[in-house]
Amino acid sequence: MRGRYVMPGRIISFGVVMSSTWRNASGDLIGATSTLQIQQSTVTPQFYVTTISQTGNGSTPTSGTGNVIGGAGLGTGQGVTQTVRAAGDGNSAYNNVSINVTEANQAPALVPGQGQVLISGQTITGSNAAGTVSVSAANGGIQMAILANSNQGNTLQQVAQGNLLQNTRLLGDSNMVNNLTQLNVVLRNNGPSSGALDCNLSTLNGLRNF
């Protein structure tokens, strides 16, 4: 990919932060974080991925015996699709999407990427007693998936082609799951008045195809 990007409208900086984590009943935690930042000076946009692993108390959770039926169409929704389906007890699961829009005279300084660069078609994985996390770049977007051990369940978070999916399925007990996607947008401060963001949010529509 060569050349520099022409940002749509007044947008001078655009960033994405995604994270998914799964903590089981024993306290073991598996997950990943991915970041992307694009500005006018960006030549090749890149996702940077960091896997997360923490060790619990060493015990093995009881194998999940729950059963969740259906849901085959959840991956074909348009816009934002968020679901939590649970067949166990004592679980907590959160799906969150936030959009932070600010104004500035110039784009913020680029923060050096942390973690491993995610190449198109590549999958970055990590595993521990809690399960396995997989982060892949495919279909014009990025996907994070966690498959928990001991049949505790799974979670999927995906941003692609203008759509966002956060889907968690819990089959065991006492799990804590978090999916977060954060969009950070900086608009050039040349509007009719400082802080008049409500007049300029239509600019964000250009990001769907961008």
Protein backbone atom coordinates (compact mmCIF):
# COMPACT_ATOMS: atom_id res chain seq x y z
CA MET A 1 0.00 0.00 0.00
CA ARG A 2 1.68 3.22 -1.15
CA GLY A 3 0.99 6.92 -0.89
CA ARG A 4 -0.66 8.92 1.85
CA TYR A 5 -4.25 8.93 3.03
CA VAL A 6 -6.73 11.71 2.38
CA MET A 7 -8.92 11.79 5.46
CA PRO A 8 -12.65 12.42 4.80
CA GLY A 9 -14.14 15.79 5.75
CA ARG A 10 -12.55 17.56 8.72
CA ILE A 11 -11.08 14.40 10.21
CA ILE A 12 -7.35 14.74 10.86
CA SER A 13 -6.84 11.68 13.04
CA PHE A 14 -8.67 8.40 13.48
CA GLY A 15 -7.87 5.56 15.85
CA VAL A 16 -9.31 2.22 16.92
CA VAL A 17 -8.70 0.39 20.19
CA MET A 18 -10.12 -3.13 20.61
CA SER A 19 -9.78 -5.47 23.55
CA SER A 20 -11.30 -8.78 24.60
CA THR A 21 -10.64 -10.60 27.88
CA TRP A 22 -11.96 -13.76 29.54
CA ARG A 23 -11.38 -14.59 33.21
CA ASN A 24 -12.51 -18.01 34.46
CA ALA A 25 -13.61 -19.15 37.91
CA SER A 26 -9.99 -19.92 38.90
CA GLY A 27 -8.83 -16.39 38.09
CA ASP A 28 -6.94 -17.30 34.91
CA LEU A 29 -7.26 -14.56 32.31
CA ILE A 30 -6.69 -14.65 28.54
CA GLY A 31 -7.21 -11.82 26.07
CA ALA A 32 -5.74 -9.38 23.58
CA THR A 33 -5.61 -5.68 22.75
CA SER A 34 -5.26 -4.19 19.28
CA THR A 35 -4.66 -0.56 18.28
CA LEU A 36 -4.68 1.39 15.03
CA GLN A 37 -4.01 5.08 14.38
CA ILE A 38 -4.35 6.85 11.03
CA GLN A 39 -3.40 10.42 10.09
CA GLN A 40 -2.68 12.37 6.92
CA SER A 41 0.98 11.36 7.22
CA THR A 42 0.19 7.65 7.53
CA VAL A 43 1.66 5.63 4.68
CA THR A 44 0.64 2.11 5.73
CA PRO A 45 -1.99 1.73 8.47
CA GLN A 46 -1.16 -1.11 10.82
CA PHE A 47 -2.88 -2.88 13.69
CA TYR A 48 -0.61 -3.65 16.63
CA VAL A 49 -1.63 -6.63 18.76
CA THR A 50 -0.67 -7.50 22.34
CA THR A 51 -1.88 -10.72 23.92
CA ILE A 52 -2.80 -10.78 27.63
CA SER A 53 -2.21 -13.69 30.01
CA GLN A 54 -2.61 -13.93 33.78
CA THR A 55 -2.42 -16.95 36.07
CA GLY A 56 -5.10 -17.68 38.67
CA ASN A 57 -5.04 -19.90 41.73
CA GLY A 58 -4.06 -23.06 39.87
CA SER A 59 -7.37 -24.91 40.23
CA THR A 60 -9.34 -26.25 37.26
CA PRO A 61 -12.91 -24.98 36.80
CA THR A 62 -15.68 -27.54 36.56
CA SER A 63 -16.42 -28.27 32.92
CA GLY A 64 -19.35 -26.26 31.56
CA THR A 65 -22.51 -28.24 30.94
CA GLY A 66 -24.74 -25.51 29.53
CA ASN A 67 -26.11 -25.43 26.01
CA VAL A 68 -26.99 -22.37 23.94
CA ILE A 69 -29.09 -23.07 20.84
CA GLY A 70 -29.33 -20.95 17.69
CA GLY A 71 -27.57 -17.71 16.84
CA ALA A 72 -26.36 -18.67 13.36
CA GLY A 73 -27.50 -15.31 11.93
CA LEU A 74 -25.74 -13.11 14.46
CA GLY A 75 -22.69 -12.70 12.25
CA THR A 76 -24.69 -11.27 9.33
CA GLY A 77 -26.14 -8.20 11.08
CA GLN A 78 -25.65 -4.65 9.82
CA GLY A 79 -24.29 -1.83 11.97
CA VAL A 80 -23.61 -2.73 15.61
CA THR A 81 -24.61 -6.20 16.86
CA GLN A 82 -24.08 -7.02 20.56
CA THR A 83 -25.21 -10.24 22.21
CA VAL A 84 -24.63 -12.11 25.46
CA ARG A 85 -26.12 -15.60 25.75
CA ALA A 86 -25.59 -17.50 28.98
CA ALA A 87 -26.40 -21.05 30.05
CA GLY A 88 -24.34 -21.03 33.26
CA ASP A 89 -24.50 -19.36 36.67
CA GLY A 90 -22.60 -16.50 38.26
CA ASN A 91 -21.26 -15.07 34.99
CA SER A 92 -20.76 -11.45 34.00
CA ALA A 93 -20.28 -10.22 30.45
CA TYR A 94 -19.97 -6.70 29.05
CA ASN A 95 -20.02 -5.41 25.48
CA ASN A 96 -19.11 -1.76 25.06
CA VAL A 97 -18.60 0.56 22.08
CA SER A 98 -17.48 4.15 22.61
CA ILE A 99 -16.85 6.99 20.16
CA ASN A 100 -14.68 9.87 21.34
CA VAL A 101 -14.81 12.97 19.12
CA THR A 102 -12.59 15.98 19.84
CA GLU A 103 -11.43 19.09 17.99
CA ALA A 104 -7.87 20.31 17.55
CA ASN A 105 -5.76 22.59 15.35
CA GLN A 106 -3.49 19.69 14.42
CA ALA A 107 -3.38 15.94 14.72
CA PRO A 108 -2.01 14.53 17.98
CA ALA A 109 1.48 13.07 18.01
CA LEU A 110 1.61 9.50 16.77
CA VAL A 111 2.23 7.02 19.57
CA PRO A 112 4.71 4.27 18.65
CA GLY A 113 2.88 0.98 18.10
CA GLN A 114 3.06 -1.54 20.91
CA GLY A 115 3.01 -5.27 20.31
CA GLN A 116 3.14 -7.32 17.13
CA VAL A 117 2.14 -5.95 13.73
CA LEU A 118 -0.90 -7.80 12.33
CA ILE A 119 -0.46 -8.59 8.64
CA SER A 120 -3.40 -9.22 6.33
CA GLY A 121 -4.28 -12.90 6.37
CA GLN A 122 -2.24 -13.50 9.53
CA THR A 123 -3.49 -14.81 12.88
CA ILE A 124 -1.81 -13.97 16.20
CA THR A 125 -2.61 -16.37 19.03
CA GLY A 126 -2.02 -16.79 22.75
CA SER A 127 -3.13 -19.41 25.25
CA ASN A 128 -3.06 -20.36 28.92
CA ALA A 129 -5.25 -22.25 31.40
CA ALA A 130 -8.20 -19.94 30.64
CA GLY A 131 -8.27 -20.70 26.92
CA THR A 132 -7.00 -19.49 23.56
CA VAL A 133 -7.24 -16.02 22.00
CA SER A 134 -6.90 -15.51 18.23
CA VAL A 135 -6.56 -12.14 16.48
CA SER A 136 -6.79 -12.13 12.70
CA ALA A 137 -6.96 -9.65 9.83
CA ALA A 138 -9.45 -10.76 7.20
CA ASN A 139 -12.41 -9.54 5.11
CA GLY A 140 -11.22 -5.95 5.26
CA GLY A 141 -11.27 -5.82 9.06
CA ILE A 142 -10.06 -7.33 12.29
CA GLN A 143 -11.43 -10.17 14.41
CA MET A 144 -10.75 -11.20 18.01
CA ALA A 145 -11.95 -14.59 19.21
CA ILE A 146 -11.55 -16.35 22.56
CA LEU A 147 -12.29 -20.04 23.06
CA ALA A 148 -12.39 -20.78 26.79
CA ASN A 149 -11.11 -24.08 28.15
CA SER A 150 -13.26 -26.62 30.04
CA ASN A 151 -16.25 -25.88 27.77
CA GLN A 152 -16.80 -22.52 29.47
CA GLY A 153 -17.83 -20.78 26.23
CA ASN A 154 -16.46 -18.38 23.64
CA THR A 155 -16.52 -14.76 22.56
CA LEU A 156 -16.10 -13.02 19.20
CA GLN A 157 -15.47 -9.36 18.44
CA GLN A 158 -15.18 -8.14 14.85
CA VAL A 159 -14.96 -4.83 13.00
CA ALA A 160 -15.25 -5.11 9.22
CA GLN A 161 -16.89 -3.31 6.29
CA GLY A 162 -18.69 -0.73 8.43
CA ASN A 163 -20.15 -3.33 10.82
CA LEU A 164 -19.25 -4.18 14.40
CA LEU A 165 -20.05 -7.47 16.14
CA GLN A 166 -19.62 -8.36 19.83
CA ASN A 167 -20.90 -11.82 20.67
CA THR A 168 -20.40 -13.79 23.92
CA ARG A 169 -21.63 -17.31 24.65
CA LEU A 170 -21.30 -18.64 28.23
CA LEU A 171 -21.68 -22.35 28.93
CA GLY A 172 -19.99 -22.62 32.35
CA ASP A 173 -20.04 -20.78 35.66
CA SER A 174 -18.36 -17.75 37.28
CA ASN A 175 -16.71 -16.30 34.18
CA MET A 176 -16.02 -12.60 33.55
CA VAL A 177 -15.93 -11.46 29.92
CA ASN A 178 -15.26 -7.99 28.52
CA ASN A 179 -15.38 -6.78 24.90
CA LEU A 180 -14.46 -3.16 24.15
CA THR A 181 -14.19 -1.20 20.93
CA GLN A 182 -13.21 2.46 21.12
CA LEU A 183 -13.14 4.86 18.15
CA ASN A 184 -11.12 8.05 18.62
CA VAL A 185 -11.73 10.81 16.09
CA VAL A 186 -10.08 14.25 15.95
CA LEU A 187 -11.72 16.96 13.82
CA ARG A 188 -9.86 20.03 12.60
CA ASN A 189 -10.94 23.01 14.68
CA ASN A 190 -12.20 25.23 11.85
CA GLY A 191 -15.96 24.87 12.32
CA PRO A 192 -18.44 27.70 12.91
CA SER A 193 -17.58 27.72 16.61
CA SER A 194 -15.25 25.83 18.92
CA GLY A 195 -16.87 22.70 20.32
CA ALA A 196 -19.76 22.64 17.83
CA LEU A 197 -19.33 18.93 17.28
CA ASP A 198 -23.04 18.32 16.81
CA CYS A 199 -22.84 20.21 13.52
CA ASN A 200 -20.05 18.03 12.21
CA LEU A 201 -20.82 14.46 13.18
CA SER A 202 -22.01 13.78 9.64
CA THR A 203 -18.31 13.81 8.76
CA LEU A 204 -17.99 10.45 10.50
CA ASN A 205 -20.10 8.84 7.79
CA GLY A 206 -17.05 9.04 5.55
CA LEU A 207 -15.26 6.57 7.79
CA ARG A 208 -17.60 3.73 6.79
CA ASN A 209 -15.95 3.37 3.39
CA PHE A 210 -12.57 4.73 4.50
